[in-house]
Amino acid sequence: MSSRIAVIGGGSWGTAIAVNLTRNDHTVIFYLRREEQVESIKKTRVNRDYFPEHRLPEIIKPTSDLQQAVEDSDIIFI
């Protein structure tokens, strides 16, 4: 069963968690503090600052809006 999961934090740990969650078809709302980082990930699908060697799946939805990240989420990773 797939879930909507919020991952709070856009560092290497949060990025790794987000990528692994998508392997089970979970929708991941990925909260990053910096809007520039969100826009970069949306364009390139890469977290250049913390995980530059991996392309992020399209099912990961980056946002800098914390409320958007957590509302309607089944699980929240901090």
Protein backbone atom coordinates (compact mmCIF):
# COMPACT_ATOMS: atom_id res chain seq x y z
CA MET A 1 0.00 0.00 0.00
CA SER A 2 1.50 3.34 -0.99
CA SER A 3 1.36 6.34 1.30
CA ARG A 4 1.94 10.07 1.16
CA ILE A 5 5.08 10.66 3.20
CA ALA A 6 6.66 13.97 4.19
CA VAL A 7 10.42 14.07 4.57
CA ILE A 8 11.54 17.14 6.50
CA GLY A 9 15.10 18.17 5.72
CA GLY A 10 16.95 18.37 2.43
CA GLY A 11 20.40 17.22 3.49
CA SER A 12 22.04 13.94 2.52
CA TRP A 13 20.08 11.91 5.10
CA GLY A 14 16.69 13.35 4.09
CA THR A 15 17.49 12.87 0.42
CA ALA A 16 18.50 9.24 0.94
CA ILE A 17 15.31 8.56 2.93
CA ALA A 18 13.17 10.21 0.23
CA VAL A 19 14.77 8.16 -2.56
CA ASN A 20 14.39 4.89 -0.64
CA LEU A 21 10.72 5.57 0.12
CA THR A 22 9.95 5.91 -3.58
CA ARG A 23 11.18 2.37 -4.18
CA ASN A 24 7.90 1.21 -2.64
CA ASP A 25 5.84 3.64 -4.72
CA HIS A 26 5.24 6.09 -1.88
CA THR A 27 4.61 9.72 -2.84
CA VAL A 28 7.23 11.80 -1.07
CA ILE A 29 6.73 15.46 -0.24
CA PHE A 30 10.28 16.67 0.33
CA TYR A 31 10.59 19.78 2.53
CA LEU A 32 13.68 21.90 1.99
CA ARG A 33 14.23 25.19 3.76
CA ARG A 34 15.78 27.07 0.82
CA GLU A 35 13.57 27.92 -2.16
CA GLU A 36 16.63 27.99 -4.46
CA GLN A 37 17.31 24.35 -3.59
CA VAL A 38 13.66 23.45 -4.29
CA GLU A 39 13.75 25.14 -7.70
CA SER A 40 17.07 23.49 -8.58
CA ILE A 41 15.69 20.03 -7.74
CA LYS A 42 12.51 20.69 -9.72
CA LYS A 43 14.61 21.63 -12.78
CA THR A 44 17.41 19.08 -12.59
CA ARG A 45 15.98 16.31 -10.35
CA VAL A 46 19.32 16.38 -8.47
CA ASN A 47 20.10 17.63 -4.95
CA ARG A 48 23.46 19.13 -5.98
CA ASP A 49 24.42 20.26 -2.47
CA TYR A 50 24.03 16.93 -0.69
CA PHE A 51 23.41 14.04 -3.12
CA PRO A 52 24.85 15.08 -6.50
CA GLU A 53 25.47 11.57 -7.81
CA HIS A 54 21.80 10.50 -7.85
CA ARG A 55 18.84 11.60 -9.92
CA LEU A 56 15.69 11.98 -7.83
CA PRO A 57 12.56 10.17 -9.02
CA GLU A 58 9.66 12.29 -10.27
CA ILE A 59 7.47 10.94 -7.44
CA ILE A 60 9.50 13.14 -5.03
CA LYS A 61 7.79 16.53 -4.79
CA PRO A 62 10.11 19.22 -3.37
CA THR A 63 8.64 22.19 -1.50
CA SER A 64 9.76 24.97 0.84
CA ASP A 65 6.26 25.21 2.33
CA LEU A 66 6.25 23.21 5.56
CA GLN A 67 2.48 23.21 5.90
CA GLN A 68 2.09 21.86 2.36
CA ALA A 69 4.63 19.13 3.16
CA VAL A 70 2.88 17.80 6.24
CA GLU A 71 -0.81 18.31 5.53
CA ASP A 72 -2.53 15.14 4.39
CA SER A 73 0.67 13.12 4.96
CA ASP A 74 0.30 9.63 6.38
CA ILE A 75 3.83 9.62 7.80
CA ILE A 76 6.28 12.42 8.62
CA PHE A 77 10.05 11.80 8.76
CA ILE A 78 12.05 14.44 10.63
